[in-house]
PDB file of N, CA and C in Angstrom:
ATOM      1  N   MET A   1       0.813  -1.192   0.000  1.00  0.00           N
ATOM      2  CA  MET A   1       0.000   0.000   0.000  1.00  0.00           C
ATOM      3  C   MET A   1       0.861   1.262   0.000  1.00  0.00           C
ATOM      4  N   ILE A   2       1.974   1.221   0.693  1.00  0.00           N
ATOM      5  CA  ILE A   2       2.858   2.376   0.745  1.00  0.00           C
ATOM      6  C   ILE A   2       3.419   2.683  -0.641  1.00  0.00           C
ATOM      7  N   ILE A   3       3.737   1.657  -1.408  1.00  0.00           N
ATOM      8  CA  ILE A   3       4.272   1.854  -2.751  1.00  0.00           C
ATOM      9  C   ILE A   3       3.228   2.523  -3.639  1.00  0.00           C
ATOM     10  N   VAL A   4       1.975   2.092  -3.541  1.00  0.00           N
ATOM     11  CA  VAL A   4       0.899   2.693  -4.333  1.00  0.00           C
ATOM     12  C   VAL A   4       0.699   4.151  -3.942  1.00  0.00           C
ATOM     13  N   ASP A   5       0.714   4.442  -2.645  1.00  0.00           N
ATOM     14  CA  ASP A   5       0.568   5.820  -2.180  1.00  0.00           C
ATOM     15  C   ASP A   5       1.704   6.690  -2.695  1.00  0.00           C
ATOM     16  N   GLN A   6       2.922   6.188  -2.667  1.00  0.00           N
ATOM     17  CA  GLN A   6       4.072   6.940  -3.151  1.00  0.00           C
ATOM     18  C   GLN A   6       3.963   7.168  -4.652  1.00  0.00           C
ATOM     19  N   LEU A   7       3.516   6.161  -5.382  1.00  0.00           N
ATOM     20  CA  LEU A   7       3.343   6.293  -6.822  1.00  0.00           C
ATOM     21  C   LEU A   7       2.288   7.344  -7.139  1.00  0.00           C
ATOM     22  N   ASN A   8       1.163   7.326  -6.441  1.00  0.00           N
ATOM     23  CA  ASN A   8       0.120   8.336  -6.642  1.00  0.00           C
ATOM     24  C   ASN A   8       0.650   9.730  -6.330  1.00  0.00           C
ATOM     25  N   TYR A   9       1.417   9.865  -5.261  1.00  0.00           N
ATOM     26  CA  TYR A   9       2.011  11.150  -4.897  1.00  0.00           C
ATOM     27  C   TYR A   9       2.932  11.636  -6.011  1.00  0.00           C
ATOM     28  N   ASN A  10       3.774  10.751  -6.518  1.00  0.00           N
ATOM     29  CA  ASN A  10       4.714  11.132  -7.571  1.00  0.00           C
ATOM     30  C   ASN A  10       3.987  11.543  -8.848  1.00  0.00           C
ATOM     31  N   ILE A  11       2.952  10.819  -9.215  1.00  0.00           N
ATOM     32  CA  ILE A  11       2.176  11.163 -10.407  1.00  0.00           C
ATOM     33  C   ILE A  11       1.516  12.524 -10.231  1.00  0.00           C
ATOM     34  N   ASN A  12       0.936  12.761  -9.063  1.00  0.00           N
ATOM     35  CA  ASN A  12       0.304  14.060  -8.799  1.00  0.00           C
ATOM     36  C   ASN A  12       1.318  15.188  -8.815  1.00  0.00           C
ATOM     37  N   LEU A  13       2.502  14.942  -8.300  1.00  0.00           N
ATOM     38  CA  LEU A  13       3.552  15.957  -8.296  1.00  0.00           C
ATOM     39  C   LEU A  13       4.002  16.297  -9.715  1.00  0.00           C
ATOM     40  N   ILE A  14       4.168  15.283 -10.546  1.00  0.00           N
ATOM     41  CA  ILE A  14       4.541  15.515 -11.945  1.00  0.00           C
ATOM     42  C   ILE A  14       3.452  16.312 -12.639  1.00  0.00           C
ATOM     43  N   PHE A  15       2.203  15.938 -12.434  1.00  0.00           N
ATOM     44  CA  PHE A  15       1.079  16.658 -13.026  1.00  0.00           C
ATOM     45  C   PHE A  15       1.071  18.113 -12.570  1.00  0.00           C
ATOM     46  N   TYR A  16       1.297  18.339 -11.269  1.00  0.00           N
ATOM     47  CA  TYR A  16       1.335  19.702 -10.725  1.00  0.00           C
ATOM     48  C   TYR A  16       2.411  20.531 -11.412  1.00  0.00           C
ATOM     49  N   TYR A  17       3.613  19.996 -11.518  1.00  0.00           N
ATOM     50  CA  TYR A  17       4.693  20.756 -12.136  1.00  0.00           C
ATOM     51  C   TYR A  17       4.457  20.973 -13.627  1.00  0.00           C
ATOM     52  N   PHE A  18       3.851  20.006 -14.292  1.00  0.00           N
ATOM     53  CA  PHE A  18       3.546  20.193 -15.710  1.00  0.00           C
ATOM     54  C   PHE A  18       2.546  21.333 -15.888  1.00  0.00           C
ATOM     55  N   THR A  19       1.537  21.422 -15.013  1.00  0.00           N
ATOM     56  CA  THR A  19       0.584  22.531 -15.110  1.00  0.00           C
ATOM     57  C   THR A  19       1.272  23.863 -14.811  1.00  0.00           C
ATOM     58  N   GLN A  20       2.246  23.848 -13.914  1.00  0.00           N
ATOM     59  CA  GLN A  20       3.000  25.067 -13.632  1.00  0.00           C
ATOM     60  C   GLN A  20       3.817  25.505 -14.845  1.00  0.00           C
ATOM     61  N   VAL A  21       4.409  24.555 -15.538  1.00  0.00           N
ATOM     62  CA  VAL A  21       5.178  24.859 -16.746  1.00  0.00           C
ATOM     63  C   VAL A  21       4.271  25.503 -17.789  1.00  0.00           C
ATOM     64  N   ILE A  22       3.091  24.930 -17.997  1.00  0.00           N
ATOM     65  CA  ILE A  22       2.148  25.494 -18.973  1.00  0.00           C
ATOM     66  C   ILE A  22       1.701  26.886 -18.535  1.00  0.00           C
ATOM     67  N   ALA A  23       1.365  27.038 -17.262  1.00  0.00           N
ATOM     68  CA  ALA A  23       0.884  28.325 -16.765  1.00  0.00           C
ATOM     69  C   ALA A  23       1.944  29.414 -16.906  1.00  0.00           C
ATOM     70  N   MET A  24       3.166  29.108 -16.549  1.00  0.00           N
ATOM     71  CA  MET A  24       4.224  30.121 -16.622  1.00  0.00           C
ATOM     72  C   MET A  24       4.601  30.436 -18.063  1.00  0.00           C
ATOM     73  N   ASP A  25       4.549  29.440 -18.925  1.00  0.00           N
ATOM     74  CA  ASP A  25       4.825  29.683 -20.340  1.00  0.00           C
ATOM     75  C   ASP A  25       3.721  30.557 -20.932  1.00  0.00           C
ATOM     76  N   THR A  26       2.486  30.356 -20.502  1.00  0.00           N
ATOM     77  CA  THR A  26       1.375  31.194 -20.947  1.00  0.00           C
ATOM     78  C   THR A  26       1.518  32.607 -20.391  1.00  0.00           C
ATOM     79  N   PHE A  27       1.853  32.720 -19.115  1.00  0.00           N
ATOM     80  CA  PHE A  27       2.029  34.024 -18.488  1.00  0.00           C
ATOM     81  C   PHE A  27       3.104  34.833 -19.192  1.00  0.00           C
ATOM     82  N   LYS A  28       4.156  34.166 -19.608  1.00  0.00           N
ATOM     83  CA  LYS A  28       5.298  34.876 -20.189  1.00  0.00           C
ATOM     84  C   LYS A  28       4.921  35.654 -21.443  1.00  0.00           C
ATOM     85  N   VAL A  29       3.979  35.145 -22.241  1.00  0.00           N
ATOM     86  CA  VAL A  29       3.572  35.866 -23.443  1.00  0.00           C
ATOM     87  C   VAL A  29       2.922  37.195 -23.062  1.00  0.00           C
ATOM     88  N   PHE A  30       2.187  37.224 -21.962  1.00  0.00           N
ATOM     89  CA  PHE A  30       1.575  38.474 -21.509  1.00  0.00           C
ATOM     90  C   PHE A  30       2.624  39.399 -20.904  1.00  0.00           C
ATOM     91  N   HIS A  31       3.563  38.817 -20.193  1.00  0.00           N
ATOM     92  CA  HIS A  31       4.628  39.590 -19.550  1.00  0.00           C
ATOM     93  C   HIS A  31       5.504  40.295 -20.581  1.00  0.00           C
ATOM     94  N   GLU A  32       5.744  39.643 -21.704  1.00  0.00           N
ATOM     95  CA  GLU A  32       6.612  40.196 -22.742  1.00  0.00           C
ATOM     96  C   GLU A  32       5.869  41.072 -23.749  1.00  0.00           C
ATOM     97  N   ALA A  33       4.539  41.047 -23.718  1.00  0.00           N
ATOM     98  CA  ALA A  33       3.742  41.767 -24.718  1.00  0.00           C
ATOM     99  C   ALA A  33       3.744  43.268 -24.459  1.00  0.00           C
ATOM    100  N   LYS A  34       3.546  44.000 -25.531  1.00  0.00           N
ATOM    101  CA  LYS A  34       3.329  45.438 -25.412  1.00  0.00           C
ATOM    102  C   LYS A  34       1.950  45.648 -24.806  1.00  0.00           C
ATOM    103  N   GLU A  35       1.783  46.749 -24.110  1.00  0.00           N
ATOM    104  CA  GLU A  35       0.524  47.004 -23.415  1.00  0.00           C
ATOM    105  C   GLU A  35      -0.678  46.972 -24.360  1.00  0.00           C
ATOM    106  N   GLU A  36      -0.503  47.471 -25.566  1.00  0.00           N
ATOM    107  CA  GLU A  36      -1.621  47.510 -26.511  1.00  0.00           C
ATOM    108  C   GLU A  36      -1.989  46.127 -27.065  1.00  0.00           C
ATOM    109  N   ASP A  37      -1.124  45.133 -26.872  1.00  0.00           N
ATOM    110  CA  ASP A  37      -1.395  43.780 -27.367  1.00  0.00           C
ATOM    111  C   ASP A  37      -2.056  42.863 -26.338  1.00  0.00           C
ATOM    112  N   ILE A  38      -2.137  43.302 -25.094  1.00  0.00           N
ATOM    113  CA  ILE A  38      -2.621  42.434 -24.025  1.00  0.00           C
ATOM    114  C   ILE A  38      -4.083  42.042 -24.223  1.00  0.00           C
ATOM    115  N   SER A  39      -4.932  42.966 -24.624  1.00  0.00           N
ATOM    116  CA  SER A  39      -6.348  42.628 -24.859  1.00  0.00           C
ATOM    117  C   SER A  39      -6.489  41.608 -25.976  1.00  0.00           C
ATOM    118  N   ARG A  40      -5.723  41.784 -27.035  1.00  0.00           N
ATOM    119  CA  ARG A  40      -5.767  40.843 -28.158  1.00  0.00           C
ATOM    120  C   ARG A  40      -5.307  39.462 -27.702  1.00  0.00           C
ATOM    121  N   LEU A  41      -4.235  39.421 -26.900  1.00  0.00           N
ATOM    122  CA  LEU A  41      -3.733  38.142 -26.397  1.00  0.00           C
ATOM    123  C   LEU A  41      -4.736  37.480 -25.453  1.00  0.00           C
ATOM    124  N   GLY A  42      -5.399  38.275 -24.626  1.00  0.00           N
ATOM    125  CA  GLY A  42      -6.414  37.732 -23.732  1.00  0.00           C
ATOM    126  C   GLY A  42      -7.555  37.100 -24.505  1.00  0.00           C
ATOM    127  N   LEU A  43      -7.980  37.753 -25.563  1.00  0.00           N
ATOM    128  CA  LEU A  43      -9.038  37.209 -26.409  1.00  0.00           C
ATOM    129  C   LEU A  43      -8.572  35.939 -27.120  1.00  0.00           C
ATOM    130  N   LYS A  44      -7.308  35.942 -27.562  1.00  0.00           N
ATOM    131  CA  LYS A  44      -6.748  34.762 -28.216  1.00  0.00           C
ATOM    132  C   LYS A  44      -6.677  33.593 -27.225  1.00  0.00           C
ATOM    133  N   LEU A  45      -6.261  33.851 -25.999  1.00  0.00           N
ATOM    134  CA  LEU A  45      -6.222  32.813 -24.967  1.00  0.00           C
ATOM    135  C   LEU A  45      -7.625  32.262 -24.723  1.00  0.00           C
ATOM    136  N   LYS A  46      -8.588  33.156 -24.617  1.00  0.00           N
ATOM    137  CA  LYS A  46      -9.972  32.725 -24.404  1.00  0.00           C
ATOM    138  C   LYS A  46     -10.443  31.833 -25.543  1.00  0.00           C
ATOM    139  N   ASN A  47     -10.248  32.281 -26.774  1.00  0.00           N
ATOM    140  CA  ASN A  47     -10.756  31.544 -27.936  1.00  0.00           C
ATOM    141  C   ASN A  47      -9.977  30.265 -28.216  1.00  0.00           C
ATOM    142  N   ASP A  48      -8.670  30.291 -28.052  1.00  0.00           N
ATOM    143  CA  ASP A  48      -7.839  29.132 -28.390  1.00  0.00           C
ATOM    144  C   ASP A  48      -7.784  28.082 -27.290  1.00  0.00           C
ATOM    145  N   VAL A  49      -7.906  28.501 -26.028  1.00  0.00           N
ATOM    146  CA  VAL A  49      -7.705  27.570 -24.916  1.00  0.00           C
ATOM    147  C   VAL A  49      -8.973  27.390 -24.079  1.00  0.00           C
ATOM    148  N   ILE A  50      -9.467  28.466 -23.524  1.00  0.00           N
ATOM    149  CA  ILE A  50     -10.548  28.354 -22.541  1.00  0.00           C
ATOM    150  C   ILE A  50     -11.839  27.829 -23.174  1.00  0.00           C
ATOM    151  N   VAL A  51     -12.244  28.394 -24.298  1.00  0.00           N
ATOM    152  CA  VAL A  51     -13.487  27.970 -24.947  1.00  0.00           C
ATOM    153  C   VAL A  51     -13.405  26.509 -25.385  1.00  0.00           C
ATOM    154  N   ASN A  52     -12.247  26.077 -25.826  1.00  0.00           N
ATOM    155  CA  ASN A  52     -12.069  24.713 -26.326  1.00  0.00           C
ATOM    156  C   ASN A  52     -11.601  23.740 -25.249  1.00  0.00           C
ATOM    157  N   GLY A  53     -11.609  24.160 -24.011  1.00  0.00           N
ATOM    158  CA  GLY A  53     -11.118  23.405 -22.864  1.00  0.00           C
ATOM    159  C   GLY A  53     -11.003  21.906 -22.974  1.00  0.00           C
ATOM    160  N   GLY A  54     -12.108  21.179 -23.010  1.00  0.00           N
ATOM    161  CA  GLY A  54     -12.043  19.728 -23.017  1.00  0.00           C
ATOM    162  C   GLY A  54     -12.051  19.108 -24.395  1.00  0.00           C
ATOM    163  N   ALA A  55     -12.079  19.933 -25.430  1.00  0.00           N
ATOM    164  CA  ALA A  55     -12.194  19.411 -26.794  1.00  0.00           C
ATOM    165  C   ALA A  55     -10.897  18.801 -27.308  1.00  0.00           C
ATOM    166  N   SER A  56      -9.767  19.245 -26.782  1.00  0.00           N
ATOM    167  CA  SER A  56      -8.457  18.779 -27.240  1.00  0.00           C
ATOM    168  C   SER A  56      -7.532  18.615 -26.045  1.00  0.00           C
ATOM    169  N   SER A  57      -6.375  18.047 -26.295  1.00  0.00           N
ATOM    170  CA  SER A  57      -5.390  17.897 -25.223  1.00  0.00           C
ATOM    171  C   SER A  57      -4.803  19.259 -24.864  1.00  0.00           C
ATOM    172  N   ALA A  58      -4.267  19.354 -23.662  1.00  0.00           N
ATOM    173  CA  ALA A  58      -3.638  20.599 -23.216  1.00  0.00           C
ATOM    174  C   ALA A  58      -2.500  20.990 -24.153  1.00  0.00           C
ATOM    175  N   ARG A  59      -1.762  20.008 -24.614  1.00  0.00           N
ATOM    176  CA  ARG A  59      -0.641  20.271 -25.526  1.00  0.00           C
ATOM    177  C   ARG A  59      -1.132  20.918 -26.825  1.00  0.00           C
ATOM    178  N   GLU A  60      -2.209  20.376 -27.376  1.00  0.00           N
ATOM    179  CA  GLU A  60      -2.751  20.905 -28.626  1.00  0.00           C
ATOM    180  C   GLU A  60      -3.333  22.309 -28.435  1.00  0.00           C
ATOM    181  N   LEU A  61      -4.036  22.525 -27.329  1.00  0.00           N
ATOM    182  CA  LEU A  61      -4.593  23.845 -27.044  1.00  0.00           C
ATOM    183  C   LEU A  61      -3.481  24.876 -26.882  1.00  0.00           C
ATOM    184  N   PHE A  62      -2.429  24.485 -26.157  1.00  0.00           N
ATOM    185  CA  PHE A  62      -1.300  25.397 -25.968  1.00  0.00           C
ATOM    186  C   PHE A  62      -0.642  25.717 -27.305  1.00  0.00           C
ATOM    187  N   ARG A  63      -0.466  24.698 -28.121  1.00  0.00           N
ATOM    188  CA  ARG A  63       0.159  24.874 -29.432  1.00  0.00           C
ATOM    189  C   ARG A  63      -0.660  25.842 -30.285  1.00  0.00           C
ATOM    190  N   ASN A  64      -1.976  25.758 -30.220  1.00  0.00           N
ATOM    191  CA  ASN A  64      -2.831  26.692 -30.955  1.00  0.00           C
ATOM    192  C   ASN A  64      -2.637  28.118 -30.455  1.00  0.00           C
ATOM    193  N   PHE A  65      -2.470  28.270 -29.160  1.00  0.00           N
ATOM    194  CA  PHE A  65      -2.310  29.607 -28.574  1.00  0.00           C
ATOM    195  C   PHE A  65      -0.932  30.204 -28.852  1.00  0.00           C
ATOM    196  N   ARG A  66       0.118  29.446 -28.576  1.00  0.00           N
ATOM    197  CA  ARG A  66       1.477  29.995 -28.692  1.00  0.00           C
ATOM    198  C   ARG A  66       2.164  29.699 -30.023  1.00  0.00           C
ATOM    199  N   GLN A  67       1.563  28.874 -30.861  1.00  0.00           N
ATOM    200  CA  GLN A  67       2.139  28.494 -32.154  1.00  0.00           C
ATOM    201  C   GLN A  67       3.462  27.749 -32.000  1.00  0.00           C
ATOM    202  N   ARG A  68       3.595  27.058 -30.874  1.00  0.00           N
ATOM    203  CA  ARG A  68       4.775  26.230 -30.603  1.00  0.00           C
ATOM    204  C   ARG A  68       4.450  25.306 -29.447  1.00  0.00           C
ATOM    205  N   ASP A  69       5.341  24.369 -29.186  1.00  0.00           N
ATOM    206  CA  ASP A  69       5.149  23.463 -28.051  1.00  0.00           C
ATOM    207  C   ASP A  69       5.513  24.157 -26.744  1.00  0.00           C
ATOM    208  N   VAL A  70       5.068  23.565 -25.663  1.00  0.00           N
ATOM    209  CA  VAL A  70       5.382  24.084 -24.328  1.00  0.00           C
ATOM    210  C   VAL A  70       6.886  24.033 -24.112  1.00  0.00           C
ATOM    211  N   SER A  71       7.411  25.062 -23.467  1.00  0.00           N
ATOM    212  CA  SER A  71       8.834  25.123 -23.145  1.00  0.00           C
ATOM    213  C   SER A  71       8.993  25.273 -21.640  1.00  0.00           C
ATOM    214  N   ILE A  72       9.985  24.626 -21.100  1.00  0.00           N
ATOM    215  CA  ILE A  72      10.253  24.713 -19.664  1.00  0.00           C
ATOM    216  C   ILE A  72      11.014  26.003 -19.302  1.00  0.00           C
ATOM    217  N   ASP A  73      11.481  26.727 -20.299  1.00  0.00           N
ATOM    218  CA  ASP A  73      12.310  27.909 -20.058  1.00  0.00           C
ATOM    219  C   ASP A  73      11.636  28.949 -19.168  1.00  0.00           C
ATOM    220  N   ALA A  74      10.366  29.249 -19.408  1.00  0.00           N
ATOM    221  CA  ALA A  74       9.664  30.249 -18.598  1.00  0.00           C
ATOM    222  C   ALA A  74       9.551  29.780 -17.150  1.00  0.00           C
ATOM    223  N   PHE A  75       9.264  28.494 -16.947  1.00  0.00           N
ATOM    224  CA  PHE A  75       9.175  27.943 -15.592  1.00  0.00           C
ATOM    225  C   PHE A  75      10.500  28.120 -14.858  1.00  0.00           C
ATOM    226  N   LEU A  76      11.584  27.775 -15.513  1.00  0.00           N
ATOM    227  CA  LEU A  76      12.904  27.887 -14.883  1.00  0.00           C
ATOM    228  C   LEU A  76      13.237  29.353 -14.582  1.00  0.00           C
ATOM    229  N   GLU A  77      12.944  30.230 -15.532  1.00  0.00           N
ATOM    230  CA  GLU A  77      13.246  31.652 -15.354  1.00  0.00           C
ATOM    231  C   GLU A  77      12.399  32.279 -14.251  1.00  0.00           C
ATOM    232  N   LEU A  78      11.089  32.056 -14.281  1.00  0.00           N
ATOM    233  CA  LEU A  78      10.198  32.676 -13.316  1.00  0.00           C
ATOM    234  C   LEU A  78      10.322  32.043 -11.939  1.00  0.00           C
ATOM    235  N   SER A  79      10.887  30.844 -11.849  1.00  0.00           N
ATOM    236  CA  SER A  79      11.133  30.191 -10.560  1.00  0.00           C
ATOM    237  C   SER A  79      12.536  30.489 -10.044  1.00  0.00           C
ATOM    238  N   ASN A  80      13.244  31.347 -10.750  1.00  0.00           N
ATOM    239  CA  ASN A  80      14.627  31.719 -10.395  1.00  0.00           C
ATOM    240  C   ASN A  80      15.543  30.499 -10.322  1.00  0.00           C
ATOM    241  N   LEU A  81      15.355  29.567 -11.270  1.00  0.00           N
ATOM    242  CA  LEU A  81      16.193  28.369 -11.312  1.00  0.00           C
ATOM    243  C   LEU A  81      17.296  28.471 -12.359  1.00  0.00           C
ATOM    244  N   VAL A  82      17.311  29.567 -13.098  1.00  0.00           N
ATOM    245  CA  VAL A  82      18.402  29.820 -14.069  1.00  0.00           C
ATOM    246  C   VAL A  82      18.948  31.194 -13.836  1.00  0.00           C
TER     247      VAL A  82
END
């Protein structure tokens, strides 16, 4: 039972960090944007990700929004790990 509990904990931890990577990579586009582009980006996030929430995988939704795959770089930078 202890092994199963540890495995569940590890899976949940990986899932948590993966969501953090996606969130920080998404945040970074807003952080780097010009002020006049933020409304457009917010609408793009809404239309590409939020509205289509369960219709596709998180990877595909992110790719539609950022036009690239998820990168760990923003997570490392915003977590002060680089």
